[in-house]
Amino acid sequence: MIAFAPGTRVFLACQPVDLRNGFDGLSALVATRLAADPFGGQMFVFRGKRGDRLKVLYWDGTGLVLLAKRLEQGRFVWPVITAGGVALSAAQLALLLEGMDWRRIILPAPPQRPTAS
């Protein structure tokens, strides 16, 4: 299992991409389409046109990591195609990678920071 730093933010690129792109091509898409820094420590998830394959680009502090997954049956659940991206939680990313519908998960409100009394 690959572990990611706590608090790592996850972004989905809503528009399908050419999955023949590797590190450099996907980094350029992050910079141009998502207006984000590919070396900032966030995860960027891209889907191909058919919807059964995706790639995840992540900077771990020492280099870029590129993960790929292909579903043998079905398609990844994706938001409506728009420009830009959508932020996900780590739990939603785990569901997405399993091929489940991550949109049905309702995230609880973050806990209030305790105050000294």
N, C-alpha and C. Protein backbone atom coordinates (compact mmCIF):
# COMPACT_ATOMS: atom_id res chain seq x y z
N MET A 1 0.84 -1.18 0.00
CA MET A 1 0.00 0.00 0.00
C MET A 1 0.88 1.24 0.00
N ILE A 2 0.51 2.19 -0.78
CA ILE A 2 1.23 3.45 -0.85
C ILE A 2 0.56 4.43 0.11
N ALA A 3 1.34 5.02 0.98
CA ALA A 3 0.80 5.98 1.94
C ALA A 3 1.10 7.40 1.48
N PHE A 4 0.14 8.28 1.66
CA PHE A 4 0.30 9.67 1.30
C PHE A 4 0.30 10.50 2.57
N ALA A 5 0.93 11.65 2.51
CA ALA A 5 1.03 12.52 3.67
C ALA A 5 -0.37 12.93 4.14
N PRO A 6 -0.58 13.01 5.45
CA PRO A 6 -1.88 13.47 5.95
C PRO A 6 -2.19 14.87 5.41
N GLY A 7 -3.42 15.08 5.07
CA GLY A 7 -3.83 16.38 4.55
C GLY A 7 -3.55 16.59 3.08
N THR A 8 -3.11 15.54 2.38
CA THR A 8 -2.87 15.67 0.95
C THR A 8 -4.19 15.96 0.25
N ARG A 9 -4.21 17.01 -0.55
CA ARG A 9 -5.43 17.39 -1.27
C ARG A 9 -5.49 16.64 -2.59
N VAL A 10 -6.69 16.28 -3.01
CA VAL A 10 -6.91 15.50 -4.22
C VAL A 10 -7.80 16.31 -5.17
N PHE A 11 -7.40 16.40 -6.43
CA PHE A 11 -8.17 17.12 -7.43
C PHE A 11 -8.42 16.23 -8.63
N LEU A 12 -9.66 16.21 -9.11
CA LEU A 12 -10.02 15.50 -10.34
C LEU A 12 -10.04 16.49 -11.48
N ALA A 13 -9.37 16.16 -12.57
CA ALA A 13 -9.49 16.95 -13.79
C ALA A 13 -10.77 16.47 -14.48
N CYS A 14 -11.74 17.34 -14.63
CA CYS A 14 -13.06 16.92 -15.11
C CYS A 14 -13.05 16.49 -16.58
N GLN A 15 -12.24 17.15 -17.40
CA GLN A 15 -12.22 16.81 -18.82
C GLN A 15 -11.34 15.59 -19.05
N PRO A 16 -11.77 14.67 -19.93
CA PRO A 16 -10.93 13.51 -20.25
C PRO A 16 -9.61 13.96 -20.89
N VAL A 17 -8.57 13.17 -20.67
CA VAL A 17 -7.25 13.47 -21.24
C VAL A 17 -6.74 12.27 -22.01
N ASP A 18 -5.73 12.52 -22.82
CA ASP A 18 -5.04 11.45 -23.54
C ASP A 18 -4.11 10.76 -22.53
N LEU A 19 -4.42 9.52 -22.18
CA LEU A 19 -3.65 8.83 -21.16
C LEU A 19 -2.31 8.32 -21.66
N ARG A 20 -1.97 8.62 -22.89
CA ARG A 20 -0.61 8.33 -23.34
C ARG A 20 0.37 9.33 -22.72
N ASN A 21 -0.16 10.42 -22.17
CA ASN A 21 0.69 11.40 -21.47
C ASN A 21 1.34 10.74 -20.27
N GLY A 22 2.57 11.11 -20.03
CA GLY A 22 3.30 10.63 -18.86
C GLY A 22 3.49 11.76 -17.87
N PHE A 23 4.63 11.72 -17.17
CA PHE A 23 4.92 12.72 -16.14
C PHE A 23 4.86 14.14 -16.68
N ASP A 24 5.59 14.39 -17.77
CA ASP A 24 5.69 15.76 -18.29
C ASP A 24 4.38 16.25 -18.87
N GLY A 25 3.70 15.41 -19.64
CA GLY A 25 2.43 15.82 -20.25
C GLY A 25 1.36 16.11 -19.23
N LEU A 26 1.25 15.25 -18.22
CA LEU A 26 0.24 15.47 -17.18
C LEU A 26 0.60 16.67 -16.30
N SER A 27 1.89 16.87 -16.05
CA SER A 27 2.31 18.06 -15.30
C SER A 27 1.92 19.33 -16.04
N ALA A 28 2.09 19.32 -17.35
CA ALA A 28 1.70 20.49 -18.15
C ALA A 28 0.20 20.70 -18.09
N LEU A 29 -0.59 19.63 -18.10
CA LEU A 29 -2.05 19.76 -17.98
C LEU A 29 -2.45 20.33 -16.63
N VAL A 30 -1.77 19.92 -15.59
CA VAL A 30 -2.05 20.47 -14.25
C VAL A 30 -1.83 21.97 -14.26
N ALA A 31 -0.72 22.39 -14.86
CA ALA A 31 -0.38 23.81 -14.86
C ALA A 31 -1.34 24.62 -15.75
N THR A 32 -1.72 24.07 -16.91
CA THR A 32 -2.54 24.85 -17.85
C THR A 32 -4.04 24.72 -17.58
N ARG A 33 -4.55 23.51 -17.46
CA ARG A 33 -5.99 23.31 -17.30
C ARG A 33 -6.49 23.57 -15.90
N LEU A 34 -5.69 23.16 -14.89
CA LEU A 34 -6.14 23.29 -13.51
C LEU A 34 -5.54 24.50 -12.81
N ALA A 35 -4.61 25.19 -13.48
CA ALA A 35 -3.94 26.37 -12.91
C ALA A 35 -3.39 26.06 -11.52
N ALA A 36 -2.71 24.92 -11.40
CA ALA A 36 -2.14 24.49 -10.13
C ALA A 36 -0.68 24.13 -10.32
N ASP A 37 0.02 23.98 -9.20
CA ASP A 37 1.43 23.62 -9.22
C ASP A 37 1.55 22.10 -9.11
N PRO A 38 2.04 21.42 -10.15
CA PRO A 38 2.16 19.96 -10.09
C PRO A 38 3.18 19.48 -9.05
N PHE A 39 4.01 20.39 -8.54
CA PHE A 39 5.03 20.04 -7.56
C PHE A 39 4.67 20.55 -6.17
N GLY A 40 3.38 20.79 -5.93
CA GLY A 40 2.93 21.34 -4.66
C GLY A 40 2.51 20.30 -3.63
N GLY A 41 2.56 19.02 -3.96
CA GLY A 41 2.18 17.98 -3.01
C GLY A 41 0.75 17.51 -3.10
N GLN A 42 -0.04 18.09 -4.01
CA GLN A 42 -1.42 17.62 -4.19
C GLN A 42 -1.43 16.42 -5.14
N MET A 43 -2.55 15.71 -5.15
CA MET A 43 -2.74 14.61 -6.10
C MET A 43 -3.68 15.09 -7.19
N PHE A 44 -3.37 14.72 -8.42
CA PHE A 44 -4.19 15.10 -9.55
C PHE A 44 -4.61 13.82 -10.27
N VAL A 45 -5.92 13.66 -10.45
CA VAL A 45 -6.47 12.44 -11.03
C VAL A 45 -7.03 12.77 -12.41
N PHE A 46 -6.66 11.96 -13.41
CA PHE A 46 -7.08 12.16 -14.79
C PHE A 46 -7.75 10.89 -15.29
N ARG A 47 -8.77 11.06 -16.13
CA ARG A 47 -9.49 9.93 -16.71
C ARG A 47 -9.41 10.00 -18.22
N GLY A 48 -9.35 8.82 -18.85
CA GLY A 48 -9.39 8.75 -20.30
C GLY A 48 -10.81 8.88 -20.83
N LYS A 49 -10.94 8.96 -22.14
CA LYS A 49 -12.27 9.15 -22.75
C LYS A 49 -13.22 8.00 -22.49
N ARG A 50 -12.73 6.76 -22.52
CA ARG A 50 -13.62 5.62 -22.33
C ARG A 50 -14.12 5.49 -20.90
N GLY A 51 -13.38 6.06 -19.95
CA GLY A 51 -13.83 6.06 -18.57
C GLY A 51 -13.43 4.85 -17.76
N ASP A 52 -12.70 3.90 -18.35
CA ASP A 52 -12.30 2.72 -17.60
C ASP A 52 -10.85 2.77 -17.13
N ARG A 53 -10.15 3.87 -17.44
CA ARG A 53 -8.75 4.02 -17.05
C ARG A 53 -8.53 5.39 -16.43
N LEU A 54 -7.60 5.43 -15.49
CA LEU A 54 -7.23 6.72 -14.93
C LEU A 54 -5.77 6.71 -14.55
N LYS A 55 -5.24 7.92 -14.38
CA LYS A 55 -3.88 8.11 -13.90
C LYS A 55 -3.91 9.15 -12.79
N VAL A 56 -3.02 8.95 -11.82
CA VAL A 56 -2.89 9.86 -10.69
C VAL A 56 -1.45 10.38 -10.68
N LEU A 57 -1.30 11.69 -10.64
CA LEU A 57 0.02 12.33 -10.58
C LEU A 57 0.18 12.94 -9.20
N TYR A 58 1.34 12.68 -8.57
CA TYR A 58 1.56 13.13 -7.20
C TYR A 58 3.04 13.45 -7.00
N TRP A 59 3.34 14.57 -6.39
CA TRP A 59 4.71 14.94 -6.02
C TRP A 59 4.90 14.56 -4.57
N ASP A 60 5.86 13.65 -4.30
CA ASP A 60 6.05 13.18 -2.92
C ASP A 60 7.19 13.88 -2.19
N GLY A 61 7.76 14.90 -2.80
CA GLY A 61 8.86 15.63 -2.17
C GLY A 61 10.21 15.27 -2.75
N THR A 62 10.31 14.08 -3.34
CA THR A 62 11.57 13.66 -3.96
C THR A 62 11.44 13.47 -5.46
N GLY A 63 10.23 13.35 -5.93
CA GLY A 63 10.00 13.16 -7.36
C GLY A 63 8.52 12.96 -7.64
N LEU A 64 8.18 12.93 -8.91
CA LEU A 64 6.79 12.70 -9.31
C LEU A 64 6.47 11.22 -9.26
N VAL A 65 5.27 10.90 -8.80
CA VAL A 65 4.76 9.54 -8.76
C VAL A 65 3.59 9.47 -9.73
N LEU A 66 3.57 8.46 -10.57
CA LEU A 66 2.48 8.30 -11.54
C LEU A 66 1.87 6.92 -11.33
N LEU A 67 0.59 6.92 -10.94
CA LEU A 67 -0.16 5.68 -10.73
C LEU A 67 -1.17 5.52 -11.85
N ALA A 68 -1.40 4.30 -12.28
CA ALA A 68 -2.39 4.03 -13.33
C ALA A 68 -3.29 2.89 -12.88
N LYS A 69 -4.56 2.96 -13.28
CA LYS A 69 -5.50 1.88 -12.97
C LYS A 69 -6.46 1.70 -14.13
N ARG A 70 -6.78 0.44 -14.41
CA ARG A 70 -7.77 0.09 -15.43
C ARG A 70 -8.80 -0.82 -14.78
N LEU A 71 -10.08 -0.46 -14.92
CA LEU A 71 -11.15 -1.32 -14.43
C LEU A 71 -11.43 -2.39 -15.48
N GLU A 72 -11.58 -3.61 -15.05
CA GLU A 72 -11.89 -4.70 -15.98
C GLU A 72 -13.35 -4.68 -16.38
N GLN A 73 -14.22 -4.17 -15.51
CA GLN A 73 -15.64 -4.04 -15.82
C GLN A 73 -16.12 -2.69 -15.32
N GLY A 74 -16.97 -2.05 -16.09
CA GLY A 74 -17.55 -0.78 -15.68
C GLY A 74 -16.66 0.40 -15.99
N ARG A 75 -17.07 1.55 -15.45
CA ARG A 75 -16.36 2.81 -15.65
C ARG A 75 -16.21 3.54 -14.33
N PHE A 76 -15.22 4.39 -14.26
CA PHE A 76 -15.06 5.23 -13.08
C PHE A 76 -16.16 6.28 -13.06
N VAL A 77 -16.70 6.54 -11.86
CA VAL A 77 -17.72 7.57 -11.70
C VAL A 77 -17.02 8.92 -11.75
N TRP A 78 -17.49 9.78 -12.63
CA TRP A 78 -16.83 11.07 -12.85
C TRP A 78 -17.86 12.18 -12.81
N PRO A 79 -17.46 13.38 -12.40
CA PRO A 79 -18.41 14.51 -12.39
C PRO A 79 -18.71 14.95 -13.82
N VAL A 80 -19.69 15.81 -13.95
CA VAL A 80 -20.05 16.38 -15.24
C VAL A 80 -18.82 17.06 -15.83
N ILE A 81 -18.63 16.89 -17.13
CA ILE A 81 -17.46 17.45 -17.78
C ILE A 81 -17.58 18.97 -17.86
N THR A 82 -16.68 19.64 -17.15
CA THR A 82 -16.59 21.10 -17.16
C THR A 82 -15.11 21.45 -17.21
N ALA A 83 -14.82 22.72 -17.36
CA ALA A 83 -13.43 23.14 -17.28
C ALA A 83 -12.99 23.12 -15.83
N GLY A 84 -11.73 22.86 -15.59
CA GLY A 84 -11.21 22.89 -14.23
C GLY A 84 -11.27 21.54 -13.56
N GLY A 85 -11.33 21.57 -12.24
CA GLY A 85 -11.29 20.34 -11.48
C GLY A 85 -12.24 20.36 -10.31
N VAL A 86 -12.30 19.23 -9.61
CA VAL A 86 -13.15 19.04 -8.45
C VAL A 86 -12.27 18.50 -7.33
N ALA A 87 -12.41 19.04 -6.12
CA ALA A 87 -11.65 18.58 -4.97
C ALA A 87 -12.33 17.36 -4.34
N LEU A 88 -11.53 16.39 -3.93
CA LEU A 88 -12.03 15.17 -3.27
C LEU A 88 -11.33 15.00 -1.93
N SER A 89 -11.95 14.24 -1.06
CA SER A 89 -11.30 13.84 0.19
C SER A 89 -10.53 12.54 -0.08
N ALA A 90 -9.69 12.15 0.86
CA ALA A 90 -8.96 10.90 0.72
C ALA A 90 -9.92 9.70 0.67
N ALA A 91 -11.00 9.76 1.44
CA ALA A 91 -11.99 8.67 1.45
C ALA A 91 -12.69 8.58 0.09
N GLN A 92 -13.03 9.72 -0.49
CA GLN A 92 -13.67 9.71 -1.80
C GLN A 92 -12.71 9.18 -2.86
N LEU A 93 -11.43 9.51 -2.76
CA LEU A 93 -10.45 8.97 -3.71
C LEU A 93 -10.37 7.46 -3.59
N ALA A 94 -10.38 6.93 -2.36
CA ALA A 94 -10.34 5.48 -2.16
C ALA A 94 -11.55 4.82 -2.83
N LEU A 95 -12.73 5.41 -2.69
CA LEU A 95 -13.92 4.85 -3.33
C LEU A 95 -13.81 4.93 -4.85
N LEU A 96 -13.32 6.05 -5.35
CA LEU A 96 -13.14 6.21 -6.79
C LEU A 96 -12.22 5.13 -7.34
N LEU A 97 -11.10 4.89 -6.67
CA LEU A 97 -10.15 3.89 -7.14
C LEU A 97 -10.72 2.48 -7.09
N GLU A 98 -11.70 2.25 -6.23
CA GLU A 98 -12.37 0.95 -6.17
C GLU A 98 -13.47 0.81 -7.22
N GLY A 99 -13.74 1.90 -7.94
CA GLY A 99 -14.79 1.87 -8.95
C GLY A 99 -16.17 2.14 -8.39
N MET A 100 -16.23 2.64 -7.15
CA MET A 100 -17.52 2.91 -6.50
C MET A 100 -17.93 4.35 -6.73
N ASP A 101 -19.20 4.66 -6.45
CA ASP A 101 -19.73 6.00 -6.63
C ASP A 101 -19.36 6.85 -5.43
N TRP A 102 -18.31 7.64 -5.55
CA TRP A 102 -17.81 8.48 -4.47
C TRP A 102 -18.70 9.68 -4.20
N ARG A 103 -19.61 10.01 -5.12
CA ARG A 103 -20.45 11.20 -4.96
C ARG A 103 -21.53 11.01 -3.92
N ARG A 104 -21.84 9.79 -3.54
CA ARG A 104 -22.91 9.53 -2.57
C ARG A 104 -22.45 9.62 -1.13
N ILE A 105 -21.18 9.83 -0.93
CA ILE A 105 -20.63 9.93 0.42
C ILE A 105 -20.82 11.36 0.92
N ILE A 106 -21.41 11.48 2.08
CA ILE A 106 -21.61 12.79 2.70
C ILE A 106 -20.54 12.96 3.76
N LEU A 107 -19.69 13.95 3.57
CA LEU A 107 -18.62 14.19 4.52
C LEU A 107 -19.14 14.92 5.74
N PRO A 108 -18.72 14.48 6.93
CA PRO A 108 -19.14 15.21 8.13
C PRO A 108 -18.39 16.55 8.20
N ALA A 109 -18.96 17.46 8.93
CA ALA A 109 -18.30 18.75 9.13
C ALA A 109 -17.02 18.52 9.92
N PRO A 110 -15.97 19.27 9.59
CA PRO A 110 -14.73 19.09 10.36
C PRO A 110 -14.95 19.44 11.82
N PRO A 111 -14.30 18.74 12.73
CA PRO A 111 -14.53 19.01 14.16
C PRO A 111 -14.01 20.39 14.54
N GLN A 112 -14.68 20.99 15.50
CA GLN A 112 -14.27 22.27 16.03
C GLN A 112 -13.01 22.08 16.88
N ARG A 113 -12.10 23.00 16.77
CA ARG A 113 -10.89 22.94 17.58
C ARG A 113 -11.28 23.24 19.03
N PRO A 114 -10.85 22.40 19.98
CA PRO A 114 -11.21 22.63 21.37
C PRO A 114 -10.58 23.93 21.87
N THR A 115 -11.29 24.55 22.77
CA THR A 115 -10.78 25.78 23.37
C THR A 115 -10.45 25.52 24.83
N ALA A 116 -9.43 26.17 25.29
CA ALA A 116 -9.05 26.02 26.70
C ALA A 116 -10.04 26.79 27.55
N SER A 117 -10.54 26.15 28.60
CA SER A 117 -11.50 26.86 29.46
C SER A 117 -10.99 26.95 30.86
